[in-house]
């Protein structure tokens, strides 16, 4: 069709059916993603003072039937810092590189269904 042209009844129905099919496919894809992907946030115990070059261990519990894919976020609560973390089977190994203060650290882990 060209801009400004009106679709006849047959063309309109065919186009409408195709749009409905695409919408259904998107809904199914979103549903599959929700079943196969999880993000879980783990928070450390509160510390009166976290200093640079400090290691914090956060115990984690992997969801049954899922594998950890990676870390999608690290947040320091109540203070500003530079941090990084490693994922192990039962814990996170978080390192505070610089900054610090009192508070907690939250790490968000991305899991995918096996």
N, C-alpha and C. Protein backbone atom coordinates (compact mmCIF):
# COMPACT_ATOMS: atom_id res chain seq x y z
N UNK A 1 0.84 -1.20 0.00
CA UNK A 1 0.00 0.00 0.00
C UNK A 1 0.87 1.24 0.00
N UNK A 2 0.26 2.34 -0.32
CA UNK A 2 0.96 3.61 -0.31
C UNK A 2 0.30 4.51 0.72
N UNK A 3 1.11 5.43 1.23
CA UNK A 3 0.58 6.36 2.23
C UNK A 3 -0.63 7.08 1.66
N UNK A 4 -1.67 7.18 2.43
CA UNK A 4 -2.88 7.87 2.01
C UNK A 4 -3.91 6.97 1.36
N UNK A 5 -3.51 5.78 0.93
CA UNK A 5 -4.47 4.84 0.35
C UNK A 5 -5.20 4.09 1.45
N UNK A 6 -6.46 3.87 1.25
CA UNK A 6 -7.28 3.14 2.21
C UNK A 6 -7.24 1.66 1.84
N UNK A 7 -7.11 0.77 2.83
CA UNK A 7 -7.11 -0.66 2.57
C UNK A 7 -8.54 -1.14 2.35
N UNK A 8 -8.71 -2.09 1.41
CA UNK A 8 -10.04 -2.67 1.27
C UNK A 8 -10.25 -3.67 2.41
N UNK A 9 -11.45 -4.23 2.51
CA UNK A 9 -11.80 -5.11 3.63
C UNK A 9 -10.87 -6.31 3.73
N UNK A 10 -10.51 -6.92 2.62
CA UNK A 10 -9.65 -8.10 2.63
C UNK A 10 -8.25 -7.75 3.10
N UNK A 11 -7.69 -6.67 2.56
CA UNK A 11 -6.34 -6.25 2.96
C UNK A 11 -6.30 -5.87 4.44
N UNK A 12 -7.33 -5.16 4.90
CA UNK A 12 -7.39 -4.76 6.31
C UNK A 12 -7.43 -5.96 7.23
N UNK A 13 -8.21 -6.99 6.87
CA UNK A 13 -8.31 -8.18 7.71
C UNK A 13 -6.98 -8.92 7.73
N UNK A 14 -6.33 -9.08 6.59
CA UNK A 14 -5.04 -9.78 6.52
C UNK A 14 -4.01 -9.04 7.37
N UNK A 15 -3.95 -7.73 7.24
CA UNK A 15 -3.01 -6.94 8.03
C UNK A 15 -3.33 -7.05 9.52
N UNK A 16 -4.59 -6.97 9.86
CA UNK A 16 -5.00 -7.09 11.27
C UNK A 16 -4.63 -8.44 11.85
N UNK A 17 -4.81 -9.51 11.08
CA UNK A 17 -4.44 -10.86 11.53
C UNK A 17 -2.94 -10.97 11.76
N UNK A 18 -2.15 -10.39 10.86
CA UNK A 18 -0.69 -10.43 11.02
C UNK A 18 -0.25 -9.67 12.27
N UNK A 19 -0.84 -8.52 12.51
CA UNK A 19 -0.52 -7.74 13.71
C UNK A 19 -0.87 -8.53 14.97
N UNK A 20 -2.04 -9.17 14.98
CA UNK A 20 -2.46 -9.97 16.13
C UNK A 20 -1.50 -11.14 16.37
N UNK A 21 -1.02 -11.76 15.29
CA UNK A 21 -0.08 -12.88 15.42
C UNK A 21 1.26 -12.41 16.00
N UNK A 22 1.74 -11.25 15.56
CA UNK A 22 2.99 -10.69 16.09
C UNK A 22 2.82 -10.35 17.57
N UNK A 23 1.70 -9.75 17.94
CA UNK A 23 1.44 -9.43 19.35
C UNK A 23 1.43 -10.68 20.20
N UNK A 24 0.83 -11.77 19.71
CA UNK A 24 0.79 -13.03 20.44
C UNK A 24 2.20 -13.60 20.60
N UNK A 25 3.01 -13.51 19.56
CA UNK A 25 4.40 -14.01 19.63
C UNK A 25 5.20 -13.23 20.66
N UNK A 26 5.02 -11.92 20.73
CA UNK A 26 5.72 -11.10 21.71
C UNK A 26 5.29 -11.48 23.13
N UNK A 27 4.00 -11.69 23.33
CA UNK A 27 3.49 -12.11 24.64
C UNK A 27 4.10 -13.45 25.06
N UNK A 28 4.17 -14.40 24.13
CA UNK A 28 4.77 -15.71 24.44
C UNK A 28 6.25 -15.58 24.75
N UNK A 29 6.97 -14.75 24.01
CA UNK A 29 8.39 -14.54 24.26
C UNK A 29 8.62 -13.95 25.64
N UNK A 30 7.85 -12.94 26.00
CA UNK A 30 7.97 -12.33 27.33
C UNK A 30 7.70 -13.36 28.42
N UNK A 31 6.69 -14.20 28.23
CA UNK A 31 6.35 -15.23 29.20
C UNK A 31 7.50 -16.23 29.34
N UNK A 32 8.11 -16.63 28.22
CA UNK A 32 9.25 -17.56 28.26
C UNK A 32 10.43 -16.95 28.99
N UNK A 33 10.69 -15.66 28.75
CA UNK A 33 11.80 -15.00 29.45
C UNK A 33 11.58 -14.99 30.95
N UNK A 34 10.35 -14.71 31.37
CA UNK A 34 10.05 -14.66 32.80
C UNK A 34 10.23 -16.03 33.45
N UNK A 35 9.99 -17.11 32.71
CA UNK A 35 10.15 -18.45 33.25
C UNK A 35 11.61 -18.88 33.28
N UNK A 36 12.45 -18.35 32.39
CA UNK A 36 13.81 -18.84 32.21
C UNK A 36 14.90 -17.95 32.78
N UNK A 37 14.57 -16.75 33.17
CA UNK A 37 15.56 -15.80 33.68
C UNK A 37 15.10 -15.28 35.04
N UNK A 38 16.06 -15.21 35.99
CA UNK A 38 15.77 -14.62 37.30
C UNK A 38 16.90 -13.69 37.68
N UNK A 39 16.58 -12.60 38.35
CA UNK A 39 17.58 -11.74 38.97
C UNK A 39 17.28 -11.73 40.45
N UNK A 40 18.27 -12.12 41.24
CA UNK A 40 18.10 -12.17 42.70
C UNK A 40 19.12 -11.23 43.34
N UNK A 41 18.65 -10.42 44.28
CA UNK A 41 19.51 -9.49 45.00
C UNK A 41 19.90 -10.07 46.35
N UNK A 42 21.18 -10.02 46.65
CA UNK A 42 21.71 -10.51 47.93
C UNK A 42 22.36 -9.33 48.65
N UNK A 43 22.03 -9.17 49.94
CA UNK A 43 22.56 -8.04 50.71
C UNK A 43 23.47 -8.55 51.82
N UNK A 44 24.58 -7.84 52.03
CA UNK A 44 25.51 -8.19 53.10
C UNK A 44 24.93 -7.79 54.45
N UNK A 45 25.56 -8.27 55.49
CA UNK A 45 25.23 -7.79 56.84
C UNK A 45 25.64 -6.31 56.91
N UNK A 46 25.05 -5.57 57.83
CA UNK A 46 25.43 -4.16 57.98
C UNK A 46 26.74 -4.07 58.73
N UNK A 47 27.62 -3.22 58.22
CA UNK A 47 28.93 -3.00 58.84
C UNK A 47 28.98 -1.58 59.38
N UNK A 48 29.60 -1.41 60.55
CA UNK A 48 29.77 -0.07 61.11
C UNK A 48 30.73 0.75 60.26
N UNK A 49 31.71 0.09 59.65
CA UNK A 49 32.66 0.78 58.77
C UNK A 49 33.23 -0.23 57.79
N UNK A 50 33.12 0.05 56.51
CA UNK A 50 33.75 -0.76 55.48
C UNK A 50 34.87 0.09 54.88
N UNK A 51 36.09 -0.38 54.98
CA UNK A 51 37.26 0.36 54.51
C UNK A 51 37.70 -0.12 53.14
N UNK A 52 38.48 0.71 52.43
CA UNK A 52 39.04 0.28 51.15
C UNK A 52 39.84 -1.02 51.32
N UNK A 53 39.89 -1.81 50.25
CA UNK A 53 40.59 -3.10 50.23
C UNK A 53 39.98 -4.11 51.21
N UNK A 54 38.71 -3.96 51.48
CA UNK A 54 38.00 -4.88 52.35
C UNK A 54 37.28 -5.92 51.52
N UNK A 55 37.31 -7.17 51.98
CA UNK A 55 36.60 -8.26 51.34
C UNK A 55 35.34 -8.57 52.15
N UNK A 56 34.20 -8.67 51.46
CA UNK A 56 32.93 -9.00 52.12
C UNK A 56 32.40 -10.27 51.47
N UNK A 57 32.06 -11.24 52.28
CA UNK A 57 31.49 -12.49 51.76
C UNK A 57 29.98 -12.46 52.01
N UNK A 58 29.22 -12.74 50.96
CA UNK A 58 27.76 -12.80 51.06
C UNK A 58 27.33 -14.21 50.66
N UNK A 59 26.72 -14.93 51.60
CA UNK A 59 26.22 -16.26 51.29
C UNK A 59 25.02 -16.16 50.35
N UNK A 60 24.96 -17.09 49.38
CA UNK A 60 23.86 -17.09 48.42
C UNK A 60 23.27 -18.49 48.33
N UNK A 61 22.06 -18.56 47.83
CA UNK A 61 21.38 -19.82 47.59
C UNK A 61 20.89 -19.81 46.15
N UNK A 62 21.54 -20.61 45.30
CA UNK A 62 21.18 -20.65 43.88
C UNK A 62 19.81 -21.29 43.73
N UNK A 63 18.91 -20.69 42.93
CA UNK A 63 17.60 -21.30 42.70
C UNK A 63 17.77 -22.68 42.05
N UNK A 64 16.98 -23.64 42.48
CA UNK A 64 17.05 -24.99 41.93
C UNK A 64 16.73 -24.95 40.44
N UNK A 65 17.59 -25.60 39.65
CA UNK A 65 17.37 -25.66 38.20
C UNK A 65 17.92 -24.47 37.44
N UNK A 66 18.68 -23.59 38.09
CA UNK A 66 19.23 -22.40 37.45
C UNK A 66 20.74 -22.36 37.60
N UNK A 67 21.41 -21.71 36.66
CA UNK A 67 22.84 -21.44 36.73
C UNK A 67 23.06 -19.94 36.79
N UNK A 68 24.07 -19.52 37.56
CA UNK A 68 24.42 -18.10 37.60
C UNK A 68 25.10 -17.73 36.29
N UNK A 69 24.65 -16.65 35.68
CA UNK A 69 25.22 -16.16 34.42
C UNK A 69 26.20 -15.02 34.70
N UNK A 70 25.86 -14.14 35.62
CA UNK A 70 26.74 -13.02 35.92
C UNK A 70 26.13 -12.06 36.92
N UNK A 71 26.92 -11.08 37.26
CA UNK A 71 26.48 -10.03 38.17
C UNK A 71 25.96 -8.88 37.33
N UNK A 72 24.75 -8.42 37.63
CA UNK A 72 24.16 -7.34 36.85
C UNK A 72 24.10 -6.02 37.62
N UNK A 73 24.56 -6.03 38.86
CA UNK A 73 24.58 -4.78 39.61
C UNK A 73 25.17 -4.95 40.99
N UNK A 74 25.91 -3.93 41.42
CA UNK A 74 26.44 -3.87 42.79
C UNK A 74 26.10 -2.49 43.32
N UNK A 75 25.44 -2.46 44.46
CA UNK A 75 25.05 -1.20 45.07
C UNK A 75 25.62 -1.13 46.48
N UNK A 76 26.25 -0.01 46.80
CA UNK A 76 26.66 0.22 48.19
C UNK A 76 25.61 1.13 48.80
N UNK A 77 25.10 0.72 49.93
CA UNK A 77 24.02 1.44 50.59
C UNK A 77 24.58 2.27 51.74
N UNK A 78 24.35 3.55 51.72
CA UNK A 78 24.75 4.52 52.73
C UNK A 78 26.16 5.06 52.53
N UNK A 79 26.89 4.60 51.50
CA UNK A 79 28.22 5.14 51.25
C UNK A 79 28.56 5.00 49.77
N UNK A 80 29.58 5.72 49.33
CA UNK A 80 30.01 5.69 47.93
C UNK A 80 31.32 4.92 47.85
N UNK A 81 31.42 4.03 46.84
CA UNK A 81 32.65 3.27 46.70
C UNK A 81 32.78 2.71 45.30
N UNK A 82 33.91 2.10 45.05
CA UNK A 82 34.16 1.33 43.84
C UNK A 82 34.30 -0.12 44.29
N UNK A 83 33.47 -1.02 43.74
CA UNK A 83 33.47 -2.41 44.17
C UNK A 83 33.45 -3.35 42.98
N UNK A 84 33.86 -4.59 43.21
CA UNK A 84 33.68 -5.66 42.23
C UNK A 84 33.40 -6.94 42.99
N UNK A 85 32.90 -7.95 42.29
CA UNK A 85 32.52 -9.19 42.98
C UNK A 85 32.72 -10.40 42.07
N UNK A 86 32.92 -11.54 42.71
CA UNK A 86 33.01 -12.83 42.04
C UNK A 86 31.89 -13.73 42.54
N UNK A 87 31.36 -14.57 41.66
CA UNK A 87 30.30 -15.51 42.03
C UNK A 87 30.92 -16.89 42.22
N UNK A 88 30.59 -17.52 43.35
CA UNK A 88 30.94 -18.92 43.59
C UNK A 88 29.63 -19.68 43.81
N UNK A 89 29.70 -20.99 43.97
CA UNK A 89 28.48 -21.79 44.10
C UNK A 89 27.61 -21.36 45.28
N UNK A 90 28.23 -21.04 46.41
CA UNK A 90 27.43 -20.77 47.61
C UNK A 90 27.68 -19.39 48.22
N UNK A 91 28.51 -18.57 47.57
CA UNK A 91 28.75 -17.24 48.12
C UNK A 91 29.24 -16.28 47.03
N UNK A 92 29.14 -14.99 47.38
CA UNK A 92 29.70 -13.91 46.56
C UNK A 92 30.91 -13.36 47.29
N UNK A 93 31.97 -13.11 46.57
CA UNK A 93 33.19 -12.53 47.12
C UNK A 93 33.26 -11.09 46.62
N UNK A 94 32.94 -10.13 47.49
CA UNK A 94 32.85 -8.72 47.11
C UNK A 94 34.06 -7.98 47.66
N UNK A 95 34.66 -7.16 46.81
CA UNK A 95 35.83 -6.37 47.21
C UNK A 95 35.52 -4.89 47.07
N UNK A 96 35.77 -4.16 48.14
CA UNK A 96 35.64 -2.70 48.14
C UNK A 96 37.01 -2.14 47.77
N UNK A 97 37.11 -1.46 46.64
CA UNK A 97 38.39 -0.97 46.15
C UNK A 97 38.73 0.39 46.75
N UNK A 98 37.77 1.29 46.73
CA UNK A 98 37.99 2.62 47.31
C UNK A 98 36.69 3.16 47.85
N UNK A 99 36.77 4.22 48.63
CA UNK A 99 35.58 4.76 49.28
C UNK A 99 35.34 4.00 50.56
N UNK A 100 34.11 3.99 51.01
CA UNK A 100 33.77 3.24 52.21
C UNK A 100 32.91 4.02 53.17
N UNK A 101 32.60 3.36 54.25
CA UNK A 101 31.76 3.96 55.28
C UNK A 101 30.88 2.91 55.91
N UNK A 102 29.93 3.33 56.73
CA UNK A 102 29.01 2.37 57.34
C UNK A 102 27.94 1.96 56.32
N UNK A 103 27.42 0.75 56.45
CA UNK A 103 26.32 0.36 55.57
C UNK A 103 26.40 -1.08 55.10
N UNK A 104 25.74 -1.34 53.97
CA UNK A 104 25.66 -2.69 53.42
C UNK A 104 26.01 -2.64 51.93
N UNK A 105 26.21 -3.83 51.38
CA UNK A 105 26.45 -3.97 49.94
C UNK A 105 25.38 -4.92 49.39
N UNK A 106 24.76 -4.56 48.27
CA UNK A 106 23.78 -5.41 47.60
C UNK A 106 24.32 -5.80 46.23
N UNK A 107 24.28 -7.11 45.95
CA UNK A 107 24.74 -7.62 44.66
C UNK A 107 23.57 -8.31 43.96
N UNK A 108 23.31 -7.95 42.71
CA UNK A 108 22.24 -8.55 41.91
C UNK A 108 22.86 -9.57 40.96
N UNK A 109 22.36 -10.82 41.03
CA UNK A 109 22.90 -11.91 40.23
C UNK A 109 21.85 -12.36 39.22
N UNK A 110 22.27 -12.55 37.97
CA UNK A 110 21.43 -13.02 36.89
C UNK A 110 21.54 -14.55 36.80
N UNK A 111 20.39 -15.23 36.84
CA UNK A 111 20.34 -16.69 36.71
C UNK A 111 19.55 -17.06 35.47
N UNK A 112 19.95 -18.19 34.86
CA UNK A 112 19.24 -18.72 33.70
C UNK A 112 18.87 -20.18 33.97
N UNK A 113 17.66 -20.56 33.57
CA UNK A 113 17.22 -21.94 33.76
C UNK A 113 18.15 -22.87 32.97
N UNK A 114 18.48 -24.01 33.58
CA UNK A 114 19.37 -24.98 32.93
C UNK A 114 18.70 -25.63 31.76
